[in-house]
PDB file of N, CA and C in Angstrom:
ATOM      1  N   MET A   1      61.657-121.212  75.798  1.00  0.00           N
ATOM      2  CA  MET A   1      60.632-122.968  75.559  1.00  0.00           C
ATOM      3  C   MET A   1      59.068-122.685  75.348  1.00  0.00           C
ATOM      4  N   ASN A   2      58.325-122.550  73.953  1.00  0.00           N
ATOM      5  CA  ASN A   2      56.963-122.796  74.685  1.00  0.00           C
ATOM      6  C   ASN A   2      56.364-124.236  75.237  1.00  0.00           C
ATOM      7  N   ASP A   3      55.433-124.018  75.351  1.00  0.00           N
ATOM      8  CA  ASP A   3      54.372-125.313  75.591  1.00  0.00           C
ATOM      9  C   ASP A   3      54.293-127.004  74.717  1.00  0.00           C
ATOM     10  N   ARG A   4      54.531-126.145  73.760  1.00  0.00           N
ATOM     11  CA  ARG A   4      54.718-127.318  72.105  1.00  0.00           C
ATOM     12  C   ARG A   4      55.448-127.758  71.826  1.00  0.00           C
ATOM     13  N   ALA A   5      56.747-126.685  71.811  1.00  0.00           N
ATOM     14  CA  ALA A   5      57.694-127.290  72.007  1.00  0.00           C
ATOM     15  C   ALA A   5      58.741-128.033  73.748  1.00  0.00           C
ATOM     16  N   THR A   6      57.822-128.037  74.167  1.00  0.00           N
ATOM     17  CA  THR A   6      58.459-128.684  75.922  1.00  0.00           C
ATOM     18  C   THR A   6      57.878-130.212  75.219  1.00  0.00           C
ATOM     19  N   LEU A   7      56.179-130.034  74.998  1.00  0.00           N
ATOM     20  CA  LEU A   7      56.095-130.945  75.147  1.00  0.00           C
ATOM     21  C   LEU A   7      56.222-132.103  74.150  1.00  0.00           C
ATOM     22  N   ARG A   8      56.538-131.749  72.443  1.00  0.00           N
ATOM     23  CA  ARG A   8      57.849-132.702  71.340  1.00  0.00           C
ATOM     24  C   ARG A   8      58.150-132.721  71.919  1.00  0.00           C
ATOM     25  N   LEU A   9      59.768-132.083  72.628  1.00  0.00           N
ATOM     26  CA  LEU A   9      60.631-132.645  73.527  1.00  0.00           C
ATOM     27  C   LEU A   9      61.012-134.093  74.231  1.00  0.00           C
ATOM     28  N   TRP A  10      59.106-134.140  75.542  1.00  0.00           N
ATOM     29  CA  TRP A  10      59.017-134.489  77.215  1.00  0.00           C
ATOM     30  C   TRP A  10      58.229-135.767  76.446  1.00  0.00           C
ATOM     31  N   GLY A  11      56.905-135.234  75.612  1.00  0.00           N
ATOM     32  CA  GLY A  11      56.603-136.481  75.616  1.00  0.00           C
ATOM     33  C   GLY A  11      56.571-137.357  75.455  1.00  0.00           C
ATOM     34  N   TRP A  12      56.928-138.525  75.020  1.00  0.00           N
ATOM     35  CA  TRP A  12      57.281-139.678  74.814  1.00  0.00           C
ATOM     36  C   TRP A  12      58.353-139.741  76.168  1.00  0.00           C
ATOM     37  N   PRO A  13      59.264-140.211  76.152  1.00  0.00           N
ATOM     38  CA  PRO A  13      59.626-140.662  77.381  1.00  0.00           C
ATOM     39  C   PRO A  13      58.888-140.353  78.575  1.00  0.00           C
ATOM     40  N   VAL A  14      59.046-138.821  79.138  1.00  0.00           N
ATOM     41  CA  VAL A  14      56.892-138.803  79.976  1.00  0.00           C
ATOM     42  C   VAL A  14      56.332-140.603  79.709  1.00  0.00           C
ATOM     43  N   ALA A  15      55.509-140.438  78.600  1.00  0.00           N
ATOM     44  CA  ALA A  15      54.892-141.895  78.543  1.00  0.00           C
ATOM     45  C   ALA A  15      54.718-142.614  78.501  1.00  0.00           C
ATOM     46  N   LEU A  16      56.739-143.811  78.268  1.00  0.00           N
ATOM     47  CA  LEU A  16      56.709-143.840  78.861  1.00  0.00           C
ATOM     48  C   LEU A  16      57.252-144.473  80.142  1.00  0.00           C
ATOM     49  N   ALA A  17      57.988-143.677  81.143  1.00  0.00           N
ATOM     50  CA  ALA A  17      58.945-143.757  81.948  1.00  0.00           C
ATOM     51  C   ALA A  17      56.867-144.468  83.285  1.00  0.00           C
ATOM     52  N   VAL A  18      55.791-143.129  83.147  1.00  0.00           N
ATOM     53  CA  VAL A  18      54.662-143.476  83.523  1.00  0.00           C
ATOM     54  C   VAL A  18      54.471-145.132  82.629  1.00  0.00           C
ATOM     55  N   LEU A  19      54.680-145.683  81.418  1.00  0.00           N
ATOM     56  CA  LEU A  19      53.907-146.943  81.337  1.00  0.00           C
ATOM     57  C   LEU A  19      54.997-147.757  81.810  1.00  0.00           C
ATOM     58  N   SER A  20      55.332-147.694  82.259  1.00  0.00           N
ATOM     59  CA  SER A  20      56.914-148.345  83.515  1.00  0.00           C
ATOM     60  C   SER A  20      56.395-148.567  84.407  1.00  0.00           C
ATOM     61  N   ALA A  21      55.783-147.686  85.565  1.00  0.00           N
ATOM     62  CA  ALA A  21      54.968-147.332  86.996  1.00  0.00           C
ATOM     63  C   ALA A  21      54.531-148.039  86.460  1.00  0.00           C
ATOM     64  N   VAL A  22      53.342-148.370  85.820  1.00  0.00           N
ATOM     65  CA  VAL A  22      52.777-148.473  86.312  1.00  0.00           C
ATOM     66  C   VAL A  22      52.314-150.440  85.520  1.00  0.00           C
ATOM     67  N   GLY A  23      53.830-150.383  85.076  1.00  0.00           N
ATOM     68  CA  GLY A  23      54.175-151.899  84.809  1.00  0.00           C
ATOM     69  C   GLY A  23      54.856-152.931  86.075  1.00  0.00           C
ATOM     70  N   LEU A  24      55.847-151.875  86.167  1.00  0.00           N
ATOM     71  CA  LEU A  24      56.671-152.598  88.161  1.00  0.00           C
ATOM     72  C   LEU A  24      55.332-152.629  89.137  1.00  0.00           C
ATOM     73  N   LEU A  25      54.181-151.940  89.236  1.00  0.00           N
ATOM     74  CA  LEU A  25      53.482-151.095  90.249  1.00  0.00           C
ATOM     75  C   LEU A  25      52.344-152.680  89.347  1.00  0.00           C
ATOM     76  N   SER A  26      51.416-153.049  88.566  1.00  0.00           N
ATOM     77  CA  SER A  26      51.413-153.686  89.073  1.00  0.00           C
ATOM     78  C   SER A  26      51.625-155.433  88.383  1.00  0.00           C
ATOM     79  N   ALA A  27      53.881-155.489  88.516  1.00  0.00           N
ATOM     80  CA  ALA A  27      53.857-156.958  88.560  1.00  0.00           C
ATOM     81  C   ALA A  27      53.358-156.596  90.281  1.00  0.00           C
ATOM     82  N   LEU A  28      53.853-156.011  91.029  1.00  0.00           N
ATOM     83  CA  LEU A  28      53.608-156.133  92.612  1.00  0.00           C
ATOM     84  C   LEU A  28      52.169-156.360  92.813  1.00  0.00           C
ATOM     85  N   LEU A  29      51.201-155.712  92.202  1.00  0.00           N
ATOM     86  CA  LEU A  29      49.810-156.066  93.247  1.00  0.00           C
ATOM     87  C   LEU A  29      49.111-157.123  93.040  1.00  0.00           C
ATOM     88  N   GLY A  30      48.991-157.907  91.935  1.00  0.00           N
ATOM     89  CA  GLY A  30      48.839-159.486  91.827  1.00  0.00           C
ATOM     90  C   GLY A  30      48.728-160.305  90.918  1.00  0.00           C
ATOM     91  N   ASP A  31      48.259-161.204  91.149  1.00  0.00           N
ATOM     92  CA  ASP A  31      48.837-162.177  89.742  1.00  0.00           C
ATOM     93  C   ASP A  31      47.554-162.609  88.901  1.00  0.00           C
ATOM     94  N   GLY A  32      47.273-163.430  87.737  1.00  0.00           N
ATOM     95  CA  GLY A  32      46.808-163.668  86.714  1.00  0.00           C
ATOM     96  C   GLY A  32      46.613-162.217  85.336  1.00  0.00           C
ATOM     97  N   ALA A  33      45.763-160.854  85.141  1.00  0.00           N
ATOM     98  CA  ALA A  33      45.667-161.068  84.828  1.00  0.00           C
ATOM     99  C   ALA A  33      46.824-159.110  84.564  1.00  0.00           C
ATOM    100  N   TRP A  34      46.999-158.820  86.120  1.00  0.00           N
ATOM    101  CA  TRP A  34      47.958-158.555  86.916  1.00  0.00           C
ATOM    102  C   TRP A  34      49.455-158.685  86.189  1.00  0.00           C
ATOM    103  N   ASP A  35      49.599-159.851  86.314  1.00  0.00           N
ATOM    104  CA  ASP A  35      51.000-159.771  84.892  1.00  0.00           C
ATOM    105  C   ASP A  35      51.128-159.649  83.894  1.00  0.00           C
ATOM    106  N   ALA A  36      49.799-160.441  83.051  1.00  0.00           N
ATOM    107  CA  ALA A  36      49.877-159.769  81.937  1.00  0.00           C
ATOM    108  C   ALA A  36      50.061-158.341  81.030  1.00  0.00           C
ATOM    109  N   LEU A  37      49.167-157.489  82.388  1.00  0.00           N
ATOM    110  CA  LEU A  37      49.825-155.573  81.805  1.00  0.00           C
ATOM    111  C   LEU A  37      51.096-155.637  83.186  1.00  0.00           C
ATOM    112  N   SER A  38      51.420-156.368  83.994  1.00  0.00           N
ATOM    113  CA  SER A  38      53.008-155.938  83.843  1.00  0.00           C
ATOM    114  C   SER A  38      53.736-155.960  82.639  1.00  0.00           C
ATOM    115  N   TRP A  39      54.027-157.633  81.977  1.00  0.00           N
ATOM    116  CA  TRP A  39      54.248-157.680  80.340  1.00  0.00           C
ATOM    117  C   TRP A  39      54.012-156.980  79.856  1.00  0.00           C
ATOM    118  N   ALA A  40      52.663-156.230  78.968  1.00  0.00           N
ATOM    119  CA  ALA A  40      52.886-155.763  78.645  1.00  0.00           C
ATOM    120  C   ALA A  40      53.341-154.308  78.686  1.00  0.00           C
ATOM    121  N   ALA A  41      53.168-153.794  79.696  1.00  0.00           N
ATOM    122  CA  ALA A  41      53.690-152.299  79.696  1.00  0.00           C
ATOM    123  C   ALA A  41      55.532-152.995  80.530  1.00  0.00           C
ATOM    124  N   LEU A  42      55.781-153.027  80.678  1.00  0.00           N
ATOM    125  CA  LEU A  42      56.766-152.990  80.993  1.00  0.00           C
ATOM    126  C   LEU A  42      57.735-153.687  79.315  1.00  0.00           C
ATOM    127  N   GLY A  43      57.269-154.530  78.703  1.00  0.00           N
ATOM    128  CA  GLY A  43      58.022-155.068  77.692  1.00  0.00           C
ATOM    129  C   GLY A  43      58.201-153.303  76.027  1.00  0.00           C
ATOM    130  N   LEU A  44      56.939-152.455  76.493  1.00  0.00           N
ATOM    131  CA  LEU A  44      56.698-151.558  75.855  1.00  0.00           C
ATOM    132  C   LEU A  44      57.928-151.375  74.837  1.00  0.00           C
ATOM    133  N   PRO A  45      58.422-150.381  76.162  1.00  0.00           N
ATOM    134  CA  PRO A  45      59.705-148.846  76.832  1.00  0.00           C
ATOM    135  C   PRO A  45      60.102-150.029  76.510  1.00  0.00           C
ATOM    136  N   THR A  46      60.907-151.542  76.575  1.00  0.00           N
ATOM    137  CA  THR A  46      61.744-152.620  76.024  1.00  0.00           C
ATOM    138  C   THR A  46      61.627-152.123  74.755  1.00  0.00           C
ATOM    139  N   GLY A  47      60.669-152.574  74.247  1.00  0.00           N
ATOM    140  CA  GLY A  47      61.030-153.237  72.737  1.00  0.00           C
ATOM    141  C   GLY A  47      61.036-151.291  72.354  1.00  0.00           C
ATOM    142  N   VAL A  48      60.632-150.754  72.687  1.00  0.00           N
ATOM    143  CA  VAL A  48      60.904-149.380  72.235  1.00  0.00           C
ATOM    144  C   VAL A  48      62.187-148.618  72.064  1.00  0.00           C
ATOM    145  N   ALA A  49      62.481-149.024  72.595  1.00  0.00           N
ATOM    146  CA  ALA A  49      64.038-149.322  73.059  1.00  0.00           C
ATOM    147  C   ALA A  49      64.862-149.931  72.499  1.00  0.00           C
ATOM    148  N   GLY A  50      65.449-150.813  72.418  1.00  0.00           N
ATOM    149  CA  GLY A  50      65.570-152.489  71.463  1.00  0.00           C
ATOM    150  C   GLY A  50      65.287-151.924  69.853  1.00  0.00           C
ATOM    151  N   TRP A  51      64.311-150.424  69.700  1.00  0.00           N
ATOM    152  CA  TRP A  51      64.768-150.786  68.279  1.00  0.00           C
ATOM    153  C   TRP A  51      64.925-149.097  67.953  1.00  0.00           C
ATOM    154  N   HIS A  52      64.694-148.754  68.896  1.00  0.00           N
ATOM    155  CA  HIS A  52      65.745-147.348  68.340  1.00  0.00           C
ATOM    156  C   HIS A  52      68.165-147.719  68.804  1.00  0.00           C
ATOM    157  N   ALA A  53      67.400-149.050  69.037  1.00  0.00           N
ATOM    158  CA  ALA A  53      69.592-148.931  69.716  1.00  0.00           C
ATOM    159  C   ALA A  53      69.872-149.822  67.512  1.00  0.00           C
ATOM    160  N   LEU A  54      69.420-150.767  67.867  1.00  0.00           N
ATOM    161  CA  LEU A  54      69.876-151.305  66.038  1.00  0.00           C
ATOM    162  C   LEU A  54      69.580-149.933  64.660  1.00  0.00           C
ATOM    163  N   ARG A  55      68.522-149.604  65.174  1.00  0.00           N
ATOM    164  CA  ARG A  55      67.665-148.704  64.166  1.00  0.00           C
ATOM    165  C   ARG A  55      69.320-147.311  63.304  1.00  0.00           C
ATOM    166  N   HIS A  56      69.865-147.068  64.748  1.00  0.00           N
ATOM    167  CA  HIS A  56      70.673-145.984  64.407  1.00  0.00           C
ATOM    168  C   HIS A  56      72.009-146.827  64.749  1.00  0.00           C
TER     169      HIS A  56
END
């Protein structure tokens, strides 16, 4: 598999995993803006998963 095919296959799952990790860490780090960041960072992957589940 070349680099372009690998990026096409794994790009979005890796991006969603990193976003989830950022959300979890921001939830642990503080309050206020950190909470807003964690809601957004954890809500987006959940929304994407729900959209794909309802689409199929």
